Amino acid sequence: MKYIIFDNIFPVIFNEAIGHNDIKVSGMKPTSAGFVEIFDDHFSIGTEVSGKSVSLNLPSKKEDSKIITKILSMY
């Protein structure tokens, strides 16, 4: 899966067939982007981020994993 973090707080996760530059959030700026792998072991959810967005010219950041995991753990 691909992802973008907007304003360092709001993650959007989407299919790899969609370009990073096709995703917009009104009033927010993309701050990091790349690829995310989601792990669910029935007790907890974890994520691992990697890569970068060429179309947005943004790298993934280590802290993105914490942001994504926190949001996914709410559901």
Protein backbone atom coordinates (compact mmCIF):
# COMPACT_ATOMS: atom_id res chain seq x y z
CA MET A 1 0.00 0.00 0.00
CA LYS A 2 1.02 3.62 -0.49
CA TYR A 3 0.59 6.40 2.02
CA ILE A 4 0.91 10.14 2.48
CA ILE A 5 1.11 12.01 5.77
CA PHE A 6 -0.47 15.47 5.63
CA ASP A 7 0.68 18.24 8.01
CA ASN A 8 2.71 15.66 10.00
CA ILE A 9 -0.48 14.25 11.59
CA PHE A 10 -3.04 12.98 9.07
CA PRO A 11 -2.30 9.72 7.20
CA VAL A 12 -3.99 8.60 3.99
CA ILE A 13 -3.40 4.98 2.88
CA PHE A 14 -4.31 3.89 -0.63
CA ASN A 15 -3.77 1.32 -3.38
CA GLU A 16 -0.44 1.19 -5.22
CA ALA A 17 -2.22 1.68 -8.56
CA ILE A 18 -2.96 5.29 -7.57
CA GLY A 19 -0.26 7.95 -7.86
CA HIS A 20 0.84 9.84 -4.76
CA ASN A 21 0.21 13.08 -6.64
CA ASP A 22 -3.44 12.08 -7.23
CA ILE A 23 -4.29 12.26 -3.51
CA LYS A 24 -5.32 15.63 -2.07
CA VAL A 25 -6.68 16.72 1.31
CA SER A 26 -8.29 20.15 1.24
CA GLY A 27 -6.35 22.69 3.30
CA MET A 28 -3.51 20.30 4.16
CA LYS A 29 0.01 19.90 2.77
CA PRO A 30 1.76 16.55 2.23
CA THR A 31 4.80 16.27 4.51
CA SER A 32 6.00 12.70 3.87
CA ALA A 33 5.06 9.75 1.69
CA GLY A 34 6.07 6.26 0.66
CA PHE A 35 4.94 2.68 1.09
CA VAL A 36 3.46 1.03 4.17
CA GLU A 37 3.16 -2.60 5.18
CA ILE A 38 0.53 -3.37 7.82
CA PHE A 39 0.89 -6.28 10.26
CA ASP A 40 -1.98 -7.62 12.36
CA ASP A 41 -1.20 -10.48 14.75
CA HIS A 42 -4.71 -10.52 16.32
CA PHE A 43 -3.32 -8.81 19.46
CA SER A 44 -1.97 -5.60 17.99
CA ILE A 45 -1.41 -3.75 14.75
CA GLY A 46 2.01 -2.69 13.52
CA THR A 47 3.30 -0.94 10.44
CA GLU A 48 6.56 -0.50 8.59
CA VAL A 49 7.17 2.36 6.16
CA SER A 50 9.73 2.57 3.39
CA GLY A 51 10.65 4.29 0.18
CA LYS A 52 9.56 7.67 -1.06
CA SER A 53 7.18 9.43 -3.40
CA VAL A 54 8.87 10.40 -6.63
CA SER A 55 5.87 12.40 -7.86
CA LEU A 56 5.69 14.45 -4.64
CA ASN A 57 9.46 14.43 -4.07
CA LEU A 58 8.92 13.40 -0.43
CA PRO A 59 10.65 10.66 1.58
CA SER A 60 9.07 8.35 4.12
CA LYS A 61 9.99 9.10 7.74
CA LYS A 62 10.55 6.67 10.59
CA GLU A 63 7.92 8.46 12.72
CA ASP A 64 5.28 7.91 9.98
CA SER A 65 4.93 4.34 11.17
CA LYS A 66 3.88 5.53 14.64
CA ILE A 67 1.34 7.96 13.19
CA ILE A 68 -0.22 5.30 10.95
CA THR A 69 -0.23 2.61 13.66
CA LYS A 70 -1.91 4.97 16.13
CA ILE A 71 -4.73 5.76 13.70
CA LEU A 72 -5.23 2.10 12.67
CA SER A 73 -5.28 0.98 16.31
CA MET A 74 -8.31 3.20 16.92
CA TYR A 75 -10.40 0.94 14.68
